[in-house]
Amino acid sequence: MTAFSPALLAGYRSFMGGRYSEERERYRSLAEVGQKPHTLVIACCDSRVAPETIFDCGPGELFVVRNIANMVPPCEPDTHLHGTSAALEYAVQVLNIRNIIVMGHGNCGGVKAALDPLLQPLSAGDFIGRWISLVRPAAEQIRGSDFMTAVERQTALERVSIRNSLANLKTFLFVKEALDRGDLVLGGAWFDVASGELWIMNDDGGFIRPSIEEAVPID
């Protein structure tokens, strides 16, 4: 038995005969001189939401961190293991990332779990339960709203969670210092899986749909 299905191996063969063949020199250059991505994207593990695909980026352009519900915990300099925080530290301190985008999405399973008052642990460790506790206060407020439908409550928490993660990013001293120097810009986005629409956060914390015609590449 192997974890590599025929579909995965066929995909690899297609990659080698297609994209790698066309961008061979780029891959070789990346191997020799290292990566210098312009943007860190903190996205969900959800298989429907791949940042490289959504933004049509090639190798070396994005530094991507994916976790359940695309969340950033507050800075906790303790002896515990912090995967997202470690990736953030590397992106800012070593790669000198210029942009950080927290990208949520519609129909997020992690957010749905946070809104479920009867959620039961999936294992003795309750890893998901402890992780989504990051948005539990907001979830409790939104869950109690009778003015929204279930879909509206889900979307609301998905977007509130993005704002919460952006606020938590600023609790990291190296992020705050980079922001104060003008070396770093933070942004939020929400992707609608069904329609393919990307909503981006404006300066007021709301979400708007940018015009595709006006979109320009990131420098």
Protein backbone atom coordinates (compact mmCIF):
# COMPACT_ATOMS: atom_id res chain seq x y z
CA MET A 1 0.00 0.00 0.00
CA THR A 2 1.23 3.49 -0.84
CA ALA A 3 0.00 6.98 -0.07
CA PHE A 4 0.83 7.98 -3.64
CA SER A 5 -2.29 7.33 -5.68
CA PRO A 6 -2.17 6.92 -9.49
CA ALA A 7 -3.74 10.38 -9.75
CA LEU A 8 -0.89 11.97 -7.75
CA LEU A 9 1.79 10.24 -9.78
CA ALA A 10 0.03 11.18 -13.02
CA GLY A 11 -0.07 14.77 -11.79
CA TYR A 12 3.65 14.68 -11.09
CA ARG A 13 4.36 13.39 -14.58
CA SER A 14 2.23 16.20 -15.98
CA PHE A 15 4.14 18.73 -13.86
CA MET A 16 7.52 17.48 -15.07
CA GLY A 17 6.44 17.50 -18.71
CA GLY A 18 4.63 20.81 -18.45
CA ARG A 19 5.33 23.50 -15.87
CA TYR A 20 8.74 22.28 -14.75
CA SER A 21 9.88 21.84 -18.33
CA GLU A 22 8.74 25.37 -19.16
CA GLU A 23 10.24 26.93 -16.02
CA ARG A 24 13.30 24.75 -15.59
CA GLU A 25 15.70 27.69 -15.34
CA ARG A 26 13.54 29.39 -12.77
CA TYR A 27 13.54 26.32 -10.54
CA ARG A 28 17.29 25.96 -10.91
CA SER A 29 17.81 29.60 -10.01
CA LEU A 30 15.56 29.23 -6.94
CA ALA A 31 17.58 26.19 -5.87
CA GLU A 32 20.88 28.05 -6.23
CA VAL A 33 20.08 31.50 -4.84
CA GLY A 34 17.19 30.64 -2.52
CA GLN A 35 13.68 31.95 -2.25
CA LYS A 36 12.60 35.57 -2.00
CA PRO A 37 8.79 35.56 -1.91
CA HIS A 38 7.05 38.92 -1.75
CA THR A 39 4.01 37.84 0.28
CA LEU A 40 3.18 35.58 3.20
CA VAL A 41 -0.33 34.15 2.89
CA ILE A 42 -1.87 32.64 6.00
CA ALA A 43 -4.61 30.40 4.64
CA CYS A 44 -6.82 27.51 5.65
CA CYS A 45 -5.89 23.85 5.21
CA ASP A 46 -9.10 23.44 3.18
CA SER A 47 -8.26 21.64 -0.07
CA ARG A 48 -10.56 23.97 -2.04
CA VAL A 49 -8.58 27.10 -1.17
CA ALA A 50 -5.03 27.01 -2.55
CA PRO A 51 -3.40 30.48 -2.52
CA GLU A 52 -0.96 29.69 -5.34
CA THR A 53 -3.89 28.72 -7.56
CA ILE A 54 -6.17 31.60 -6.57
CA PHE A 55 -3.45 34.22 -7.14
CA ASP A 56 -1.95 32.35 -10.11
CA CYS A 57 1.55 32.55 -8.64
CA GLY A 58 4.61 30.63 -9.73
CA PRO A 59 7.34 29.01 -7.61
CA GLY A 60 9.15 31.35 -5.26
CA GLU A 61 6.44 34.05 -5.18
CA LEU A 62 4.39 33.14 -2.11
CA PHE A 63 5.36 31.90 1.34
CA VAL A 64 2.27 30.03 2.49
CA VAL A 65 1.21 28.91 5.96
CA ARG A 66 -1.94 26.83 6.16
CA ASN A 67 -3.77 25.82 9.31
CA ILE A 68 -7.33 25.14 10.45
CA ALA A 69 -9.44 28.25 9.76
CA ASN A 70 -6.43 30.38 8.74
CA MET A 71 -5.87 31.71 12.25
CA VAL A 72 -2.94 33.50 13.86
CA PRO A 73 -2.57 33.03 17.62
CA PRO A 74 -1.35 35.89 19.80
CA CYS A 75 2.36 35.97 20.55
CA GLU A 76 3.12 33.53 23.36
CA PRO A 77 6.89 33.33 24.04
CA ASP A 78 6.77 30.14 26.07
CA THR A 79 8.25 26.65 25.75
CA HIS A 80 5.34 25.21 23.76
CA LEU A 81 5.51 24.40 20.06
CA HIS A 82 4.15 27.13 17.79
CA GLY A 83 4.13 26.21 14.10
CA THR A 84 2.30 29.26 12.74
CA SER A 85 4.35 31.63 14.91
CA ALA A 86 7.60 29.98 13.78
CA ALA A 87 6.65 30.39 10.11
CA LEU A 88 5.71 34.02 10.74
CA GLU A 89 9.04 34.68 12.44
CA TYR A 90 10.96 33.13 9.55
CA ALA A 91 8.97 35.03 6.94
CA VAL A 92 9.51 38.43 8.55
CA GLN A 93 12.97 38.04 10.08
CA VAL A 94 14.72 35.94 7.43
CA LEU A 95 12.82 36.33 4.18
CA ASN A 96 11.99 40.01 4.78
CA ILE A 97 8.45 39.50 3.54
CA ARG A 98 6.84 42.77 2.41
CA ASN A 99 3.18 41.74 2.66
CA ILE A 100 1.16 39.47 4.93
CA ILE A 101 -2.35 38.44 3.87
CA VAL A 102 -4.72 36.49 6.10
CA MET A 103 -7.09 34.75 3.70
CA GLY A 104 -10.32 33.19 4.94
CA HIS A 105 -12.99 31.53 2.85
CA GLY A 106 -16.64 30.57 2.65
CA ASN A 107 -18.01 27.36 4.14
CA CYS A 108 -15.02 27.02 6.46
CA GLY A 109 -15.28 23.85 8.55
CA GLY A 110 -13.19 25.28 11.38
CA VAL A 111 -15.43 28.32 11.69
CA LYS A 112 -18.53 26.11 11.53
CA ALA A 113 -17.11 24.10 14.41
CA ALA A 114 -16.52 27.25 16.45
CA LEU A 115 -20.20 28.15 16.04
CA ASP A 116 -21.38 24.71 17.20
CA PRO A 117 -22.24 24.82 20.93
CA LEU A 118 -22.47 21.02 21.03
CA LEU A 119 -19.07 20.36 19.45
CA GLN A 120 -17.48 17.20 20.83
CA PRO A 121 -13.71 16.48 20.80
CA LEU A 122 -12.54 14.36 17.89
CA SER A 123 -9.75 12.89 20.01
CA ALA A 124 -8.48 12.91 23.57
CA GLY A 125 -6.18 15.80 22.70
CA ASP A 126 -9.06 17.95 21.39
CA PHE A 127 -6.58 19.76 19.17
CA ILE A 128 -9.27 21.37 17.02
CA GLY A 129 -11.31 22.45 20.02
CA ARG A 130 -8.36 24.18 21.64
CA TRP A 131 -7.32 25.78 18.35
CA ILE A 132 -10.71 27.28 17.50
CA SER A 133 -10.96 28.67 21.02
CA LEU A 134 -9.06 31.59 19.49
CA VAL A 135 -12.38 32.82 18.07
CA ARG A 136 -14.73 31.44 20.70
CA PRO A 137 -15.63 34.85 22.26
CA ALA A 138 -16.67 36.20 18.85
CA ALA A 139 -18.44 32.94 18.02
CA GLU A 140 -20.54 33.15 21.18
CA GLN A 141 -21.63 36.68 20.33
CA ILE A 142 -22.47 35.88 16.72
CA ARG A 143 -24.19 32.60 17.62
CA GLY A 144 -26.61 34.52 19.84
CA SER A 145 -27.78 36.86 17.06
CA ASP A 146 -31.35 36.18 15.95
CA PHE A 147 -31.08 38.79 13.20
CA MET A 148 -28.89 36.61 10.98
CA THR A 149 -29.42 33.33 9.21
CA ALA A 150 -27.06 30.42 9.81
CA VAL A 151 -25.23 31.24 6.57
CA GLU A 152 -24.90 34.89 7.56
CA ARG A 153 -23.54 33.94 10.98
CA GLN A 154 -20.98 31.67 9.35
CA THR A 155 -19.81 34.36 6.92
CA ALA A 156 -19.72 36.95 9.70
CA LEU A 157 -17.44 34.82 11.88
CA GLU A 158 -15.22 33.90 8.93
CA ARG A 159 -14.58 37.61 8.40
CA VAL A 160 -14.34 38.51 12.08
CA SER A 161 -11.75 35.74 12.45
CA ILE A 162 -9.64 37.39 9.75
CA ARG A 163 -9.71 40.68 11.63
CA ASN A 164 -8.86 38.84 14.85
CA SER A 165 -5.81 37.24 13.23
CA LEU A 166 -4.64 40.59 11.87
CA ALA A 167 -4.86 42.03 15.37
CA ASN A 168 -2.92 39.06 16.77
CA LEU A 169 -0.18 39.60 14.18
CA LYS A 170 0.55 42.96 15.79
CA THR A 171 1.26 41.29 19.14
CA PHE A 172 4.52 39.97 17.66
CA LEU A 173 7.22 42.56 18.31
CA PHE A 174 9.09 41.89 15.06
CA VAL A 175 5.87 42.39 13.09
CA LYS A 176 5.07 45.64 14.89
CA GLU A 177 8.60 46.93 14.34
CA ALA A 178 8.45 46.13 10.61
CA LEU A 179 5.08 47.87 10.38
CA ASP A 180 6.41 50.95 12.20
CA ARG A 181 9.37 51.11 9.79
CA GLY A 182 7.04 50.90 6.81
CA ASP A 183 8.69 47.65 5.70
CA LEU A 184 5.56 45.54 6.03
CA VAL A 185 1.89 45.79 5.03
CA LEU A 186 -0.94 43.65 6.41
CA GLY A 187 -4.10 42.70 4.55
CA GLY A 188 -7.14 40.49 4.83
CA ALA A 189 -9.09 38.60 2.19
CA TRP A 190 -12.09 36.27 1.98
CA PHE A 191 -12.59 33.83 -0.89
CA ASP A 192 -15.98 32.56 -2.01
CA VAL A 193 -15.40 28.97 -3.08
CA ALA A 194 -18.67 28.70 -5.01
CA SER A 195 -18.33 31.87 -7.10
CA GLY A 196 -14.57 32.34 -7.15
CA GLU A 197 -15.00 35.90 -5.88
CA LEU A 198 -12.25 37.40 -3.75
CA TRP A 199 -13.21 40.01 -1.19
CA ILE A 200 -10.44 42.17 0.29
CA MET A 201 -10.43 44.14 3.50
CA ASN A 202 -10.46 47.91 3.24
CA ASP A 203 -9.02 50.41 5.71
CA ASP A 204 -12.25 50.39 7.75
CA GLY A 205 -12.14 46.63 8.27
CA GLY A 206 -14.96 45.95 5.84
CA PHE A 207 -14.75 43.70 2.80
CA ILE A 208 -15.09 44.81 -0.82
CA ARG A 209 -14.79 43.05 -4.17
CA PRO A 210 -11.94 44.54 -6.24
CA SER A 211 -12.44 45.01 -9.95
CA ILE A 212 -10.66 42.27 -11.88
CA GLU A 213 -9.93 44.74 -14.66
CA GLU A 214 -8.12 47.05 -12.24
CA ALA A 215 -6.04 44.31 -10.61
CA VAL A 216 -2.30 44.72 -11.07
CA PRO A 217 0.61 42.44 -10.09
CA ILE A 218 2.29 42.98 -6.71
CA ASP A 219 5.73 44.56 -7.12
